[in-house]
Amino acid sequence: MALGAARRARRRVRGAPPAGARARSAEDWWWDRLVPSGSGYHLLQSDSMLLLLPGPGPARSRAQRRASRRTQRLLPAAARAPPAKARPRAAPAPEPSRGPDPGWGDRIPLEILLQIFGLLVAAEGPMPFLGRAARVCRRWHEAASQPALWHTVTLSPPLAGRLAKSGAKAEKKLLASLEWLMPSRFSQLQRLTLIHWKSQVHPVLKLVSECCPRLTFLKLSDCHGVTPDTMVMLAKACSQLHSLDIQHSMVESTAVVNFLEEAGPRMRKLWLTYSSQTTAILGALLGSRCPRLQLLEVSTGLSRNSAPLQLPVEALQKGCPQLQVLRLLNLTWLPKPAGRVAAPGPGFPSLEELCLAGSTCNFVSDEALGRLLHGSPSLRLLDLRGCARITPAGLCDLPCQELQQLHLGLYGMSDRLTLAKEGSHLLTHKWHHSLRELDLSGQGFSEKDLDQALAAFSATPGGSSPALCSVNLRGTRVTPSTVSSVISSCPGLLYLNLESCRCLPRGLKRAYRGQEEVQWCLEQLLTSLPSSG
């Protein structure tokens, strides 16, 4: 076929233009004589001129031509179209700004993601953060599902405090979720708090006993229906449980006593609400059921119990010899008489904190305080707010030498009592080297006595600065010169309460928080000293 096409082309060159062709110029007629042949062109000759064109290339086979046509058909239309004339390029359109890569969460290593989640859980707790993070992507779901992150959980059914029917329905709905969640997430749970559970406490605690073998702390707040069988089952299943908080919950004393019989040897901390049933629980403590107990707190509930609590001090010292924290909050209590010839108890050698604070005047005296603390040289915190019968002389006889926090404030009761006028200097001269917080609010010490007491902080041995950082002098007779001396001597002072101090100028009787406010108070006092003299 290629040879036949060449012969026809030679005949057409020798003759005239074919009939029927429209008249064109000579130049156009000669350009038409360029006959393609493979990859080149033939040498064409006419009567008037000779054209030298590239030689013929190799002829293509039928298969090659078919392949070429097939390729042309498969190319897009823009690629098959002949190149258009050169046009001036338009300015490229600005590329749209790219959004965040949707897969960036999957590229974070699991170890790094666990560390980040761990910081958030430590700051805000696992819920609701872990539940929301698990819905971001597969990698986040894998990280949020790690049981190591679920070590502290608080569970409270929704609609708490509304109608009883709605609350019971909400508890059942949450319980159904916990039946799936606990086996898969709570295997390393250590601290659990249940709030406002009214009817489903037993099923929840049963799940806890089955799925949480590492539980160490359990708090029941405003929970009802806790039976003795439930507590015994929990004590047997959770062999590491050593802290129990049942304040403000309806728990039978029999349930607590049975729990202490099973878990008493390992108990470390116990929080109770004072009621008529507290005596039975204290009886278990006095019987050495919890020899390793370190914290005991008993406080009143919302419905205040006016019956005084008689505490056998010496028996408690024998039953809980390792006690470090003892709190009897807002209670009307008095120590049980020890008898005429009774020997003093062993004391609390490890006691570091004693809190007897109350909103009303109680019956604590120097003699009762001495029975509690005669064997406690390591005491660091002593809170006696409301204990109006305690005198500075009785405090000075205590064996502790490194007391850091002393709270003797009388709030809303000083007007009805005959208060001591002297003796505050005995306290500061004994503990001025270690005191960090001092509360004398509402005390009746005279101006001269307070001046002597607070002057002890400006005479520290060795030229070192006192450790005092908080002073509450609300309602006392402190003078401007005494306050300015305390501020100047204690550069670390961060809190100063001067409310209702009758001897201070107007405008300065308020609480100062932070070093800047305390220094501003000092400047105002220094400018007012000449006029006050």
Protein backbone atom coordinates (compact mmCIF):
# COMPACT_ATOMS: atom_id res chain seq x y z
CA MET A 1 0.00 0.00 0.00
CA ALA A 2 2.85 2.37 0.75
CA LEU A 3 4.34 1.71 -2.76
CA GLY A 4 0.98 2.44 -4.43
CA ALA A 5 0.58 5.70 -2.56
CA ALA A 6 4.05 6.82 -3.71
CA ARG A 7 3.24 6.08 -7.38
CA ARG A 8 -0.01 8.01 -7.24
CA ALA A 9 1.85 10.95 -5.67
CA ARG A 10 4.42 11.02 -8.54
CA ARG A 11 1.63 11.04 -11.14
CA ARG A 12 -0.06 13.91 -9.36
CA VAL A 13 3.20 15.96 -9.29
CA ARG A 14 3.83 15.62 -13.01
CA GLY A 15 0.31 16.61 -14.00
CA ALA A 16 -1.82 19.66 -13.47
CA PRO A 17 -3.90 20.19 -10.38
CA PRO A 18 -6.79 17.79 -10.20
CA ALA A 19 -10.06 18.83 -11.77
CA GLY A 20 -12.57 20.47 -9.52
CA ALA A 21 -9.90 21.91 -7.20
CA ARG A 22 -10.39 25.57 -6.36
CA ALA A 23 -7.79 28.00 -7.68
CA ARG A 24 -4.96 28.61 -5.20
CA SER A 25 -1.60 30.30 -5.32
CA ALA A 26 1.54 28.51 -6.53
CA GLU A 27 2.99 28.47 -3.04
CA ASP A 28 -0.04 26.71 -1.66
CA TRP A 29 0.03 24.23 -4.51
CA TRP A 30 3.64 23.27 -3.82
CA TRP A 31 3.10 22.88 -0.08
CA ASP A 32 0.43 20.35 -0.95
CA ARG A 33 3.06 18.27 -2.71
CA LEU A 34 4.65 17.35 0.66
CA VAL A 35 3.43 13.81 0.84
CA PRO A 36 3.94 12.12 4.20
CA SER A 37 5.74 8.80 4.13
CA GLY A 38 6.40 7.12 7.46
CA SER A 39 8.43 9.52 9.56
CA GLY A 40 9.82 11.69 6.71
CA TYR A 41 9.04 13.19 3.33
CA HIS A 42 9.94 12.25 -0.34
CA LEU A 43 11.93 14.33 -2.78
CA LEU A 44 9.36 15.96 -5.12
CA GLN A 45 10.25 17.51 -8.50
CA SER A 46 8.26 19.83 -10.71
CA ASP A 47 8.95 21.56 -14.01
CA SER A 48 9.99 24.80 -12.44
CA MET A 49 11.80 23.97 -9.20
CA LEU A 50 13.36 21.22 -7.12
CA LEU A 51 12.51 20.66 -3.42
CA LEU A 52 14.87 18.74 -1.18
CA LEU A 53 12.90 17.09 1.65
CA PRO A 54 13.87 14.58 4.34
CA GLY A 55 14.14 11.00 3.23
CA PRO A 56 11.49 8.34 3.82
CA GLY A 57 11.32 6.55 7.17
CA PRO A 58 10.52 2.88 7.77
CA ALA A 59 7.00 1.87 6.82
CA ARG A 60 4.69 0.92 9.75
CA SER A 61 2.81 -2.32 9.79
CA ARG A 62 -0.96 -2.65 9.99
CA ALA A 63 -0.78 -3.64 13.66
CA GLN A 64 1.22 -0.52 14.49
CA ARG A 65 -1.28 1.72 12.70
CA ARG A 66 -4.19 0.08 14.50
CA ALA A 67 -2.42 0.55 17.83
CA SER A 68 -1.84 4.23 17.03
CA ARG A 69 -5.51 4.77 16.18
CA ARG A 70 -6.60 2.92 19.32
CA THR A 71 -4.35 5.13 21.43
CA GLN A 72 -5.83 8.25 19.85
CA ARG A 73 -9.34 7.08 20.66
CA LEU A 74 -8.45 6.37 24.30
CA LEU A 75 -6.82 9.77 24.89
CA PRO A 76 -9.05 12.50 26.33
CA ALA A 77 -10.47 15.09 24.00
CA ALA A 78 -8.09 17.78 25.19
CA ALA A 79 -5.08 15.57 24.41
CA ARG A 80 -6.34 14.59 20.88
CA ALA A 81 -7.13 18.14 19.86
CA PRO A 82 -4.48 19.88 17.76
CA PRO A 83 -2.44 22.46 19.61
CA ALA A 84 -4.07 25.86 19.48
CA LYS A 85 -2.32 29.03 18.66
CA ALA A 86 -0.13 30.41 21.39
CA ARG A 87 -2.12 32.67 23.66
CA PRO A 88 -0.86 34.82 26.47
CA ARG A 89 -1.01 32.87 29.69
CA ALA A 90 -3.42 34.13 32.23
CA ALA A 91 -2.28 34.63 35.81
CA PRO A 92 -2.74 31.38 37.74
CA ALA A 93 -5.65 31.42 40.13
CA PRO A 94 -4.66 31.34 43.79
CA GLU A 95 -4.86 27.87 45.29
CA PRO A 96 -7.48 27.49 47.98
CA SER A 97 -6.05 27.18 51.47
CA ARG A 98 -5.83 23.58 52.54
CA GLY A 99 -7.72 22.55 55.64
CA PRO A 100 -6.40 20.24 58.37
CA ASP A 101 -5.45 16.81 57.25
CA PRO A 102 -8.33 14.53 58.27
CA GLY A 103 -5.91 11.73 59.06
CA TRP A 104 -3.51 13.54 61.42
CA GLY A 105 -4.94 11.81 64.49
CA ASP A 106 -4.08 8.39 63.09
CA ARG A 107 -0.43 9.32 62.65
CA ILE A 108 0.21 10.14 66.33
CA PRO A 109 2.04 7.23 67.98
CA LEU A 110 -0.10 5.40 70.48
CA GLU A 111 2.43 5.92 73.28
CA ILE A 112 2.39 9.71 72.80
CA LEU A 113 -1.39 9.75 72.64
CA LEU A 114 -1.61 7.81 75.90
CA GLN A 115 0.65 10.31 77.62
CA ILE A 116 -1.48 13.23 76.41
CA PHE A 117 -4.69 11.54 77.48
CA GLY A 118 -3.12 10.69 80.82
CA LEU A 119 -2.41 14.37 81.54
CA LEU A 120 -5.98 15.34 80.69
CA VAL A 121 -7.42 12.53 82.79
CA ALA A 122 -5.25 13.53 85.76
CA ALA A 123 -6.52 17.12 85.51
CA GLU A 124 -10.21 16.59 84.70
CA GLY A 125 -10.97 12.90 85.19
CA PRO A 126 -11.73 10.27 82.56
CA MET A 127 -15.35 11.27 82.00
CA PRO A 128 -16.64 12.73 79.79
CA PHE A 129 -13.34 13.27 77.96
CA LEU A 130 -12.48 9.64 77.18
CA GLY A 131 -16.00 8.92 75.97
CA ARG A 132 -15.84 11.81 73.52
CA ALA A 133 -12.27 11.13 72.41
CA ALA A 134 -13.16 7.53 71.55
CA ARG A 135 -15.46 8.82 68.77
CA VAL A 136 -12.77 10.82 66.94
CA CYS A 137 -11.01 8.03 65.01
CA ARG A 138 -9.81 4.47 65.40
CA ARG A 139 -6.47 5.44 66.92
CA TRP A 140 -8.14 7.66 69.52
CA HIS A 141 -10.66 4.93 70.27
CA GLU A 142 -7.81 2.49 70.86
CA ALA A 143 -6.07 4.95 73.20
CA ALA A 144 -9.24 5.89 75.10
CA SER A 145 -10.02 2.20 75.63
CA GLN A 146 -6.83 1.51 77.58
CA PRO A 147 -7.82 0.45 81.13
CA ALA A 148 -4.80 2.29 82.56
CA LEU A 149 -6.59 5.61 81.91
CA TRP A 150 -9.69 4.52 83.81
CA HIS A 151 -8.17 4.55 87.30
CA THR A 152 -10.48 7.21 88.85
CA VAL A 153 -14.20 7.34 88.01
CA THR A 154 -17.22 9.22 89.39
CA LEU A 155 -20.64 7.82 88.48
CA SER A 156 -23.81 9.82 88.99
CA PRO A 157 -27.07 8.98 87.22
CA PRO A 158 -28.69 11.82 85.24
CA LEU A 159 -31.87 13.48 86.44
CA ALA A 160 -30.68 13.08 90.01
CA GLY A 161 -32.83 14.93 92.50
CA ARG A 162 -36.00 14.88 90.35
CA LEU A 163 -38.99 12.58 90.51
CA ALA A 164 -38.38 9.12 91.95
CA LYS A 165 -39.64 7.34 88.83
CA SER A 166 -37.39 9.37 86.54
CA GLY A 167 -34.40 8.78 88.81
CA ALA A 168 -34.95 5.01 88.92
CA LYS A 169 -35.29 4.86 85.14
CA ALA A 170 -32.07 6.86 84.71
CA GLU A 171 -30.23 4.55 87.11
CA LYS A 172 -31.35 1.46 85.19
CA LYS A 173 -30.24 3.01 81.90
CA LEU A 174 -26.81 3.85 83.28
CA LEU A 175 -26.54 0.40 84.83
CA ALA A 176 -27.11 -1.18 81.41
CA SER A 177 -24.20 0.85 80.05
CA LEU A 178 -22.00 -0.13 82.98
CA GLU A 179 -22.63 -3.82 82.34
CA TRP A 180 -20.72 -3.41 79.07
CA LEU A 181 -18.29 -0.69 80.19
CA MET A 182 -16.93 -2.20 83.39
CA PRO A 183 -15.55 -5.49 81.97
CA SER A 184 -13.81 -3.67 79.11
CA ARG A 185 -12.56 -0.52 80.86
CA PHE A 186 -12.51 -0.88 84.65
CA SER A 187 -10.08 -3.73 85.12
CA GLN A 188 -7.50 -1.30 86.59
CA LEU A 189 -9.95 0.99 88.41
CA GLN A 190 -8.57 2.23 91.75
CA ARG A 191 -10.89 5.03 92.94
CA LEU A 192 -14.69 4.93 92.51
CA THR A 193 -17.25 7.52 93.64
CA LEU A 194 -21.00 6.89 93.47
CA ILE A 195 -23.28 9.92 93.90
CA HIS A 196 -27.10 10.06 94.15
CA TRP A 197 -27.78 6.34 93.64
CA LYS A 198 -31.14 5.56 95.24
CA SER A 199 -32.23 2.11 94.03
CA GLN A 200 -29.46 0.40 92.04
CA VAL A 201 -26.51 0.53 94.44
CA HIS A 202 -26.42 -3.24 94.96
CA PRO A 203 -26.20 -4.13 91.20
CA VAL A 204 -23.50 -1.50 90.68
CA LEU A 205 -21.40 -2.70 93.61
CA LYS A 206 -21.87 -6.27 92.42
CA LEU A 207 -20.39 -5.29 89.05
CA VAL A 208 -17.56 -3.54 90.86
CA SER A 209 -16.76 -6.66 92.87
CA GLU A 210 -16.67 -8.72 89.66
CA CYS A 211 -14.70 -6.36 87.41
CA CYS A 212 -12.53 -4.14 89.66
CA PRO A 213 -10.06 -6.29 91.59
CA ARG A 214 -7.64 -3.35 92.07
CA LEU A 215 -10.12 -1.02 93.77
CA THR A 216 -8.53 0.83 96.71
CA PHE A 217 -10.98 3.69 97.44
CA LEU A 218 -14.80 3.71 97.48
CA LYS A 219 -16.97 6.75 98.20
CA LEU A 220 -20.76 6.57 98.57
CA SER A 221 -22.36 10.02 98.68
CA ASP A 222 -26.14 10.35 99.06
CA CYS A 223 -26.64 6.65 98.29
CA HIS A 224 -29.45 4.48 99.67
CA GLY A 225 -30.03 0.79 100.05
CA VAL A 226 -26.52 -0.38 100.93
CA THR A 227 -27.04 -3.75 102.61
CA PRO A 228 -24.65 -5.80 104.78
CA ASP A 229 -24.42 -8.51 102.12
CA THR A 230 -23.31 -5.93 99.56
CA MET A 231 -20.51 -4.62 101.77
CA VAL A 232 -19.26 -8.08 102.71
CA MET A 233 -19.28 -9.15 99.06
CA LEU A 234 -17.26 -6.05 98.15
CA ALA A 235 -14.74 -6.58 100.95
CA LYS A 236 -14.11 -10.17 99.88
CA ALA A 237 -13.83 -9.48 96.13
CA CYS A 238 -11.66 -6.32 96.31
CA SER A 239 -8.69 -7.46 98.32
CA GLN A 240 -6.88 -4.10 97.93
CA LEU A 241 -9.76 -1.90 99.15
CA HIS A 242 -8.43 0.10 102.13
CA SER A 243 -10.37 3.41 102.09
CA LEU A 244 -14.13 3.83 102.60
CA ASP A 245 -16.11 7.08 102.59
CA ILE A 246 -19.81 6.71 103.46
CA GLN A 247 -20.52 10.26 104.60
CA HIS A 248 -24.05 11.54 103.90
CA SER A 249 -25.28 8.09 102.80
CA MET A 250 -27.86 5.79 104.33
CA VAL A 251 -25.73 2.78 105.28
CA GLU A 252 -26.70 0.50 108.12
CA SER A 253 -24.22 0.25 110.95
CA THR A 254 -24.40 -3.54 110.62
CA ALA A 255 -23.16 -3.25 107.04
CA VAL A 256 -20.16 -1.14 108.10
CA VAL A 257 -19.33 -3.39 111.03
CA ASN A 258 -19.48 -6.51 108.83
CA PHE A 259 -17.30 -4.77 106.28
CA LEU A 260 -14.71 -3.89 108.95
CA GLU A 261 -14.70 -7.45 110.21
CA GLU A 262 -13.67 -8.62 106.76
CA ALA A 263 -11.45 -5.73 105.57
CA GLY A 264 -10.44 -4.20 108.92
CA PRO A 265 -6.81 -5.42 109.02
CA ARG A 266 -6.04 -3.60 105.77
CA MET A 267 -8.13 -0.43 106.34
CA ARG A 268 -6.23 2.87 106.10
CA LYS A 269 -8.91 5.61 105.86
CA LEU A 270 -12.51 5.84 107.06
CA TRP A 271 -15.02 8.71 106.71
CA LEU A 272 -18.27 8.56 108.74
CA THR A 273 -21.33 10.73 109.35
CA TYR A 274 -22.32 10.99 112.98
CA SER A 275 -25.67 9.42 113.85
CA SER A 276 -27.18 7.15 116.45
CA GLN A 277 -25.47 4.22 114.73
CA THR A 278 -21.96 5.67 114.91
CA THR A 279 -21.41 4.20 118.36
CA ALA A 280 -21.51 0.65 116.98
CA ILE A 281 -18.93 1.50 114.30
CA LEU A 282 -16.64 3.18 116.83
CA GLY A 283 -16.98 0.06 118.95
CA ALA A 284 -15.45 -1.95 116.10
CA LEU A 285 -12.55 0.51 115.95
CA LEU A 286 -12.02 0.37 119.70
CA GLY A 287 -11.90 -3.41 119.49
CA SER A 288 -8.74 -3.28 117.35
CA ARG A 289 -10.55 -4.24 114.15
CA CYS A 290 -8.54 -1.62 112.23
CA PRO A 291 -5.04 -1.60 113.75
CA ARG A 292 -3.51 0.07 110.67
CA LEU A 293 -6.04 2.89 110.35
CA GLN A 294 -4.35 6.20 109.49
CA LEU A 295 -7.29 8.60 108.95
CA LEU A 296 -10.58 8.84 110.84
CA GLU A 297 -13.10 11.59 110.13
CA VAL A 298 -16.52 11.92 111.77
CA SER A 299 -18.75 14.86 110.85
CA THR A 300 -22.40 15.83 111.18
CA GLY A 301 -24.89 15.41 108.36
CA LEU A 302 -27.39 17.86 106.96
CA SER A 303 -29.76 17.13 109.82
CA ARG A 304 -27.59 18.12 112.75
CA ASN A 305 -27.54 15.64 115.64
CA SER A 306 -27.64 17.47 118.96
CA ALA A 307 -26.72 14.41 121.04
CA PRO A 308 -23.12 14.77 122.23
CA LEU A 309 -20.57 12.17 121.23
CA GLN A 310 -18.67 10.58 124.05
CA LEU A 311 -15.27 9.52 122.77
CA PRO A 312 -13.21 7.07 124.81
CA VAL A 313 -9.85 8.62 124.02
CA GLU A 314 -7.58 6.03 125.62
CA ALA A 315 -9.43 3.09 124.04
CA LEU A 316 -9.17 4.72 120.60
CA GLN A 317 -5.43 5.19 121.09
CA LYS A 318 -5.06 1.47 121.80
CA GLY A 319 -7.32 0.37 118.95
CA CYS A 320 -5.77 2.65 116.27
CA PRO A 321 -2.13 3.20 117.29
CA GLN A 322 -1.04 4.27 113.78
CA LEU A 323 -3.58 7.09 113.41
CA GLN A 324 -2.13 10.12 111.58
CA VAL A 325 -5.25 12.25 110.97
CA LEU A 326 -8.17 12.65 113.39
CA ARG A 327 -11.06 14.95 112.46
CA LEU A 328 -14.17 15.49 114.58
CA LEU A 329 -15.92 18.18 112.56
CA ASN A 330 -18.81 20.30 113.80
CA LEU A 331 -19.54 17.81 116.56
CA THR A 332 -20.60 18.32 120.12
CA TRP A 333 -18.30 15.85 121.76
CA LEU A 334 -16.55 15.28 125.03
CA PRO A 335 -14.08 12.64 126.14
CA LYS A 336 -15.42 9.78 128.20
CA PRO A 337 -14.29 10.13 131.81
CA ALA A 338 -11.11 8.18 132.37
CA GLY A 339 -11.67 7.55 136.11
CA ARG A 340 -9.73 8.68 139.12
CA VAL A 341 -6.88 6.15 139.00
CA ALA A 342 -6.86 5.43 135.27
CA ALA A 343 -3.40 5.51 133.72
CA PRO A 344 -2.84 7.81 130.73
CA GLY A 345 -3.27 6.22 127.34
CA PRO A 346 -0.47 5.46 124.92
CA GLY A 347 -1.32 8.54 122.85
CA PHE A 348 -1.08 8.83 119.07
CA PRO A 349 2.68 8.73 118.31
CA SER A 350 2.15 9.20 114.56
CA LEU A 351 -0.57 11.87 114.69
CA GLU A 352 0.12 14.79 112.36
CA GLU A 353 -3.28 16.48 112.11
CA LEU A 354 -5.98 17.05 114.72
CA CYS A 355 -9.11 18.95 113.70
CA LEU A 356 -11.82 19.68 116.27
CA ALA A 357 -13.39 22.63 114.44
CA GLY A 358 -17.05 23.46 114.99
CA SER A 359 -19.51 26.26 114.36
CA THR A 360 -20.67 26.34 117.99
CA CYS A 361 -18.90 26.27 121.30
CA ASN A 362 -17.98 22.75 122.39
CA PHE A 363 -16.81 21.13 125.59
CA VAL A 364 -13.15 20.63 124.65
CA SER A 365 -10.89 21.76 127.46
CA ASP A 366 -7.17 21.82 128.11
CA GLU A 367 -7.49 18.53 129.99
CA ALA A 368 -9.23 16.78 127.03
CA LEU A 369 -6.70 18.17 124.58
CA GLY A 370 -3.86 16.95 126.76
CA ARG A 371 -5.34 13.43 126.84
CA LEU A 372 -5.48 13.42 123.06
CA LEU A 373 -2.04 14.87 122.29
CA HIS A 374 0.23 14.04 125.21
CA GLY A 375 2.02 11.44 123.06
CA SER A 376 2.00 13.25 119.67
CA PRO A 377 5.34 14.99 119.12
CA SER A 378 4.95 14.98 115.32
CA LEU A 379 1.81 17.14 115.15
CA ARG A 380 1.85 19.59 112.21
CA LEU A 381 -1.74 20.89 112.03
CA LEU A 382 -3.97 21.83 114.97
CA ASP A 383 -7.44 23.19 114.15
CA LEU A 384 -9.35 24.31 117.25
CA ARG A 385 -11.80 26.78 115.71
CA GLY A 386 -14.76 27.11 118.05
CA CYS A 387 -12.92 25.59 121.02
CA ALA A 388 -13.29 28.63 123.28
CA ARG A 389 -12.24 26.78 126.44
CA ILE A 390 -8.72 26.10 125.18
CA THR A 391 -6.18 28.49 126.72
CA PRO A 392 -2.69 29.51 125.50
CA ALA A 393 -1.18 27.92 128.59
CA GLY A 394 -2.77 24.57 127.74
CA LEU A 395 -1.44 24.78 124.18
CA CYS A 396 2.03 25.65 125.38
CA ASP A 397 2.19 22.38 127.35
CA LEU A 398 1.75 20.21 124.24
CA PRO A 399 4.81 18.10 123.28
CA CYS A 400 4.80 19.08 119.58
CA GLN A 401 7.65 21.44 118.67
CA GLU A 402 7.24 21.83 114.90
CA LEU A 403 3.65 22.97 114.53
CA GLN A 404 3.03 24.54 111.13
CA GLN A 405 -0.70 25.43 111.17
CA LEU A 406 -2.54 26.75 114.23
CA HIS A 407 -6.21 27.75 113.93
CA LEU A 408 -7.83 29.28 117.02
CA GLY A 409 -10.50 31.41 115.32
CA LEU A 410 -13.85 32.06 116.99
CA TYR A 411 -16.48 32.85 114.37
CA GLY A 412 -19.77 34.42 115.46
CA MET A 413 -19.45 33.48 119.12
CA SER A 414 -16.89 35.82 120.68
CA ASP A 415 -19.53 38.33 121.79
CA ARG A 416 -21.18 35.79 124.10
CA LEU A 417 -17.99 34.53 125.78
CA THR A 418 -15.46 35.80 128.28
CA LEU A 419 -12.19 35.51 126.39
CA ALA A 420 -8.61 35.55 127.61
CA LYS A 421 -6.83 38.90 127.39
CA GLU A 422 -3.27 37.62 127.61
CA GLY A 423 -1.17 34.65 126.58
CA SER A 424 -0.93 34.86 122.79
CA HIS A 425 2.81 35.49 123.03
CA LEU A 426 3.24 32.01 124.57
CA LEU A 427 2.09 30.48 121.29
CA THR A 428 4.23 32.50 118.90
CA HIS A 429 7.38 32.28 120.99
CA LYS A 430 7.10 28.48 120.99
CA TRP A 431 6.31 27.99 117.29
CA HIS A 432 7.49 31.17 115.52
CA HIS A 433 10.25 29.22 113.74
CA SER A 434 7.84 26.70 112.15
CA LEU A 435 4.42 28.38 111.87
CA ARG A 436 3.16 28.93 108.33
CA GLU A 437 -0.50 29.69 109.09
CA LEU A 438 -1.85 31.46 112.17
CA ASP A 439 -5.55 32.15 112.85
CA LEU A 440 -6.48 34.30 115.86
CA SER A 441 -9.79 35.55 114.49
CA GLY A 442 -12.25 36.72 117.16
CA GLN A 443 -9.85 36.28 120.07
CA GLY A 444 -9.87 38.92 122.84
CA PHE A 445 -6.14 39.47 123.33
CA SER A 446 -5.14 43.03 124.17
CA GLU A 447 -3.14 45.36 121.91
CA LYS A 448 -0.01 44.95 124.01
CA ASP A 449 -0.30 41.16 124.12
CA LEU A 450 -0.74 40.94 120.34
CA ASP A 451 2.24 43.26 119.87
CA GLN A 452 4.42 40.95 121.94
CA ALA A 453 3.10 37.87 120.17
CA LEU A 454 3.64 39.09 116.61
CA ALA A 455 7.01 40.62 117.45
CA ALA A 456 8.35 37.08 117.78
CA PHE A 457 8.38 36.78 113.97
CA SER A 458 10.85 39.65 113.64
CA ALA A 459 13.41 38.08 115.97
CA THR A 460 14.21 34.87 114.14
CA PRO A 461 17.61 33.37 115.00
CA GLY A 462 20.34 33.37 112.40
CA GLY A 463 18.77 36.18 110.38
CA SER A 464 16.54 33.79 108.44
CA SER A 465 13.08 34.90 107.30
CA PRO A 466 10.03 33.44 109.06
CA ALA A 467 8.00 30.80 107.26
CA LEU A 468 4.73 32.61 108.01
CA CYS A 469 2.58 33.03 104.88
CA SER A 470 -1.00 33.37 106.22
CA VAL A 471 -2.30 35.44 109.18
CA ASN A 472 -5.95 35.90 110.15
CA LEU A 473 -6.44 38.73 112.65
CA ARG A 474 -10.09 39.37 111.91
CA GLY A 475 -11.92 41.11 114.77
CA THR A 476 -8.83 41.49 116.99
CA ARG A 477 -7.28 44.58 118.61
CA VAL A 478 -4.17 44.57 116.46
CA THR A 479 -2.59 48.01 115.89
CA PRO A 480 -1.15 49.54 112.68
CA SER A 481 2.42 49.42 114.00
CA THR A 482 2.08 45.71 114.81
CA VAL A 483 0.67 44.88 111.39
CA SER A 484 3.38 46.84 109.57
CA SER A 485 6.05 45.07 111.64
CA VAL A 486 4.63 41.65 110.71
CA ILE A 487 4.52 42.49 106.99
CA SER A 488 8.07 43.84 107.03
CA SER A 489 9.41 40.81 108.87
CA CYS A 490 7.62 38.18 106.77
CA PRO A 491 8.45 38.63 103.05
CA GLY A 492 6.57 35.44 102.17
CA LEU A 493 3.24 36.67 103.56
CA LEU A 494 0.49 35.98 100.99
CA TYR A 495 -2.72 36.29 103.01
CA LEU A 496 -3.62 38.86 105.67
CA ASN A 497 -7.14 39.29 107.06
CA LEU A 498 -7.75 42.60 108.87
CA GLU A 499 -11.55 42.70 108.69
CA SER A 500 -13.34 44.33 111.64
CA CYS A 501 -10.08 45.32 113.34
CA ARG A 502 -11.23 48.31 115.39
CA CYS A 503 -7.77 49.81 115.91
CA LEU A 504 -6.94 50.16 112.19
CA PRO A 505 -7.74 53.12 109.94
CA ARG A 506 -10.79 53.02 107.75
CA GLY A 507 -10.26 51.66 104.28
CA LEU A 508 -7.71 49.10 105.43
CA LYS A 509 -10.07 46.73 107.26
CA ARG A 510 -10.27 44.00 104.67
CA ALA A 511 -8.60 40.80 103.52
CA TYR A 512 -5.43 41.01 101.42
CA ARG A 513 -4.54 38.19 99.04
CA GLY A 514 -1.27 38.03 97.19
CA GLN A 515 2.05 39.70 97.76
CA GLU A 516 1.13 42.87 95.87
CA GLU A 517 -1.95 43.57 97.98
CA VAL A 518 -0.05 42.86 101.20
CA GLN A 519 2.71 45.28 100.21
CA TRP A 520 0.12 47.91 99.29
CA CYS A 521 -1.32 47.54 102.79
CA LEU A 522 2.13 48.09 104.25
CA GLU A 523 2.58 51.32 102.28
CA GLN A 524 -0.78 52.63 103.47
CA LEU A 525 -0.01 51.75 107.07
CA LEU A 526 3.37 53.46 106.97
CA THR A 527 1.80 56.69 105.71
CA SER A 528 -0.89 56.56 108.40
CA LEU A 529 1.45 55.92 111.34
CA PRO A 530 2.45 59.58 112.01
CA SER A 531 -1.14 60.79 112.02
CA SER A 532 -2.19 57.94 114.28
CA GLY A 533 0.52 58.89 116.78
